[in-house]
Amino acid sequence: MTLTWDEIMAVGLPPLHLEGTERQIEHQFEALFRKREGSSLLDPARGSTRAMNIDLSRFSLQQIVIQFRALGLITPSVRKRSLKDDDNYWKLTPYGMTVMTRLCAIQREGRTVS
């Protein structure tokens, strides 16, 4: 599946609205894959709702996070966490919030720009 960077940002930035993990970004992409590919990729034998044959590789996820950082969209969270919590937490920068809002807002039909 090929996605544009705008599509990647529209999927990957909302979980970081307040603060989120790389795992949450990954789950958003899995949901997108299931939606786009439809039920033909679901595993009915196991009663699974997880997409088969679709995987967001660790490398791809890292590339997405690196690109988000390079574009100034996200920054590492500095909130204190439990020592047992080994997730990587990110939050949107003010610019990231603007980009996410622009990409995810529902456009009004028939609107003309002058």
C-alpha atoms as a PDB file:
ATOM      1  CA  MET A   1       0.000   0.000   0.000  1.00  0.00           C
ATOM      2  CA  THR A   2       1.333   3.397  -0.934  1.00  0.00           C
ATOM      3  CA  LEU A   3       0.431   6.489   1.098  1.00  0.00           C
ATOM      4  CA  THR A   4       1.296  10.142   0.616  1.00  0.00           C
ATOM      5  CA  TRP A   5       2.956  12.018   3.471  1.00  0.00           C
ATOM      6  CA  ASP A   6      -0.278  13.976   3.953  1.00  0.00           C
ATOM      7  CA  GLU A   7      -2.135  10.663   4.395  1.00  0.00           C
ATOM      8  CA  ILE A   8       0.550   9.397   6.774  1.00  0.00           C
ATOM      9  CA  MET A   9       0.323  12.581   8.840  1.00  0.00           C
ATOM     10  CA  ALA A  10      -3.486  12.460   8.890  1.00  0.00           C
ATOM     11  CA  VAL A  11      -3.297   8.938  10.341  1.00  0.00           C
ATOM     12  CA  GLY A  12      -0.222   9.229  12.548  1.00  0.00           C
ATOM     13  CA  LEU A  13      -0.634  12.642  14.182  1.00  0.00           C
ATOM     14  CA  PRO A  14      -4.084  12.397  15.854  1.00  0.00           C
ATOM     15  CA  PRO A  15      -2.978   9.810  18.471  1.00  0.00           C
ATOM     16  CA  LEU A  16      -0.403  12.380  19.615  1.00  0.00           C
ATOM     17  CA  HIS A  17      -3.007  15.133  20.057  1.00  0.00           C
ATOM     18  CA  LEU A  18      -2.463  15.236  23.809  1.00  0.00           C
ATOM     19  CA  GLU A  19       0.376  12.758  24.019  1.00  0.00           C
ATOM     20  CA  GLY A  20       0.840   9.233  22.714  1.00  0.00           C
ATOM     21  CA  THR A  21       3.144   6.339  22.018  1.00  0.00           C
ATOM     22  CA  GLU A  22       4.639   4.842  18.898  1.00  0.00           C
ATOM     23  CA  ARG A  23       2.431   1.824  19.606  1.00  0.00           C
ATOM     24  CA  GLN A  24      -0.658   4.048  19.281  1.00  0.00           C
ATOM     25  CA  ILE A  25       0.593   5.335  15.928  1.00  0.00           C
ATOM     26  CA  GLU A  26       1.096   1.737  14.796  1.00  0.00           C
ATOM     27  CA  HIS A  27      -2.477   0.820  15.826  1.00  0.00           C
ATOM     28  CA  GLN A  28      -3.846   3.735  13.787  1.00  0.00           C
ATOM     29  CA  PHE A  29      -2.072   2.414  10.687  1.00  0.00           C
ATOM     30  CA  GLU A  30      -3.336  -1.122  11.308  1.00  0.00           C
ATOM     31  CA  ALA A  31      -6.888   0.274  11.437  1.00  0.00           C
ATOM     32  CA  LEU A  32      -6.292   2.139   8.173  1.00  0.00           C
ATOM     33  CA  PHE A  33      -4.940  -1.019   6.517  1.00  0.00           C
ATOM     34  CA  ARG A  34      -7.990  -3.015   7.609  1.00  0.00           C
ATOM     35  CA  LYS A  35     -10.330  -0.307   6.358  1.00  0.00           C
ATOM     36  CA  ARG A  36      -8.635   0.074   2.975  1.00  0.00           C
ATOM     37  CA  GLU A  37      -8.101  -3.587   2.241  1.00  0.00           C
ATOM     38  CA  GLY A  38     -11.486  -4.781   3.489  1.00  0.00           C
ATOM     39  CA  SER A  39     -12.551  -8.063   4.922  1.00  0.00           C
ATOM     40  CA  SER A  40     -10.646 -10.189   2.389  1.00  0.00           C
ATOM     41  CA  LEU A  41      -7.528  -9.775   4.516  1.00  0.00           C
ATOM     42  CA  LEU A  42      -9.132 -10.756   7.810  1.00  0.00           C
ATOM     43  CA  ASP A  43      -8.458 -14.167   9.258  1.00  0.00           C
ATOM     44  CA  PRO A  44     -11.880 -15.830   9.659  1.00  0.00           C
ATOM     45  CA  ALA A  45     -10.350 -19.138  10.758  1.00  0.00           C
ATOM     46  CA  ARG A  46      -9.102 -17.559  13.974  1.00  0.00           C
ATOM     47  CA  GLY A  47     -12.019 -15.169  14.337  1.00  0.00           C
ATOM     48  CA  SER A  48      -9.432 -12.425  14.169  1.00  0.00           C
ATOM     49  CA  THR A  49     -10.107  -8.806  13.364  1.00  0.00           C
ATOM     50  CA  ARG A  50      -6.416  -8.117  12.781  1.00  0.00           C
ATOM     51  CA  ALA A  51      -5.333  -7.660   9.189  1.00  0.00           C
ATOM     52  CA  MET A  52      -3.392 -10.540   7.661  1.00  0.00           C
ATOM     53  CA  ASN A  53      -0.345 -10.038   5.454  1.00  0.00           C
ATOM     54  CA  ILE A  54      -0.145  -6.377   6.394  1.00  0.00           C
ATOM     55  CA  ASP A  55       2.523  -5.138   8.705  1.00  0.00           C
ATOM     56  CA  LEU A  56       3.923  -1.754   9.482  1.00  0.00           C
ATOM     57  CA  SER A  57       7.548  -2.712   9.889  1.00  0.00           C
ATOM     58  CA  ARG A  58       9.573  -1.337  12.778  1.00  0.00           C
ATOM     59  CA  PHE A  59      11.760   0.415  10.201  1.00  0.00           C
ATOM     60  CA  SER A  60       8.742   2.099   8.561  1.00  0.00           C
ATOM     61  CA  LEU A  61       7.409   3.250  11.926  1.00  0.00           C
ATOM     62  CA  GLN A  62      10.819   4.682  12.838  1.00  0.00           C
ATOM     63  CA  GLN A  63      10.991   6.471   9.470  1.00  0.00           C
ATOM     64  CA  ILE A  64       7.579   8.026  10.104  1.00  0.00           C
ATOM     65  CA  VAL A  65       8.619   9.240  13.563  1.00  0.00           C
ATOM     66  CA  ILE A  66      11.914  10.604  12.209  1.00  0.00           C
ATOM     67  CA  GLN A  67      10.090  12.438   9.417  1.00  0.00           C
ATOM     68  CA  PHE A  68       7.551  13.897  11.878  1.00  0.00           C
ATOM     69  CA  ARG A  69      10.453  15.152  14.017  1.00  0.00           C
ATOM     70  CA  ALA A  70      12.362  16.518  11.024  1.00  0.00           C
ATOM     71  CA  LEU A  71       9.271  18.468   9.964  1.00  0.00           C
ATOM     72  CA  GLY A  72       8.884  19.921  13.456  1.00  0.00           C
ATOM     73  CA  LEU A  73       5.530  18.185  14.012  1.00  0.00           C
ATOM     74  CA  ILE A  74       6.349  16.232  17.180  1.00  0.00           C
ATOM     75  CA  THR A  75       8.657  16.404  20.155  1.00  0.00           C
ATOM     76  CA  PRO A  76       9.530  13.796  22.800  1.00  0.00           C
ATOM     77  CA  SER A  77       7.375  13.920  25.899  1.00  0.00           C
ATOM     78  CA  VAL A  78       9.165  14.936  29.080  1.00  0.00           C
ATOM     79  CA  ARG A  79       6.411  13.802  31.454  1.00  0.00           C
ATOM     80  CA  LYS A  80       7.664  11.519  34.241  1.00  0.00           C
ATOM     81  CA  ARG A  81       6.640   7.875  33.885  1.00  0.00           C
ATOM     82  CA  SER A  82       7.005   4.608  35.763  1.00  0.00           C
ATOM     83  CA  LEU A  83      10.372   2.891  35.385  1.00  0.00           C
ATOM     84  CA  LYS A  84       8.493  -0.111  33.980  1.00  0.00           C
ATOM     85  CA  ASP A  85       7.021   2.001  31.171  1.00  0.00           C
ATOM     86  CA  ASP A  86       9.438   1.603  28.251  1.00  0.00           C
ATOM     87  CA  ASP A  87       7.238   3.120  25.524  1.00  0.00           C
ATOM     88  CA  ASN A  88       8.444   6.112  23.530  1.00  0.00           C
ATOM     89  CA  TYR A  89       6.033   8.999  24.139  1.00  0.00           C
ATOM     90  CA  TRP A  90       5.553  11.916  21.748  1.00  0.00           C
ATOM     91  CA  LYS A  91       3.448  15.039  21.668  1.00  0.00           C
ATOM     92  CA  LEU A  92       2.518  17.449  18.929  1.00  0.00           C
ATOM     93  CA  THR A  93       4.297  20.755  18.659  1.00  0.00           C
ATOM     94  CA  PRO A  94       2.122  23.836  18.071  1.00  0.00           C
ATOM     95  CA  TYR A  95       3.023  23.548  14.379  1.00  0.00           C
ATOM     96  CA  GLY A  96       2.122  19.832  14.451  1.00  0.00           C
ATOM     97  CA  MET A  97      -1.276  20.714  15.912  1.00  0.00           C
ATOM     98  CA  THR A  98      -1.857  23.176  13.052  1.00  0.00           C
ATOM     99  CA  VAL A  99      -0.874  20.615  10.411  1.00  0.00           C
ATOM    100  CA  MET A 100      -3.016  17.874  11.994  1.00  0.00           C
ATOM    101  CA  THR A 101      -6.021  20.199  12.177  1.00  0.00           C
ATOM    102  CA  ARG A 102      -5.609  21.245   8.531  1.00  0.00           C
ATOM    103  CA  LEU A 103      -5.329  17.640   7.342  1.00  0.00           C
ATOM    104  CA  CYS A 104      -8.067  16.142   9.517  1.00  0.00           C
ATOM    105  CA  ALA A 105     -10.721  18.870   9.609  1.00  0.00           C
ATOM    106  CA  ILE A 106     -13.847  18.150   7.598  1.00  0.00           C
ATOM    107  CA  GLN A 107     -14.137  20.617   4.764  1.00  0.00           C
ATOM    108  CA  ARG A 108     -17.499  22.241   4.224  1.00  0.00           C
ATOM    109  CA  GLU A 109     -19.031  21.382   0.819  1.00  0.00           C
ATOM    110  CA  GLY A 110     -19.433  24.207  -1.674  1.00  0.00           C
ATOM    111  CA  ARG A 111     -17.058  26.498   0.135  1.00  0.00           C
ATOM    112  CA  THR A 112     -15.287  28.936  -2.153  1.00  0.00           C
ATOM    113  CA  VAL A 113     -12.079  30.708  -1.348  1.00  0.00           C
ATOM    114  CA  SER A 114     -11.718  34.279  -2.521  1.00  0.00           C
END
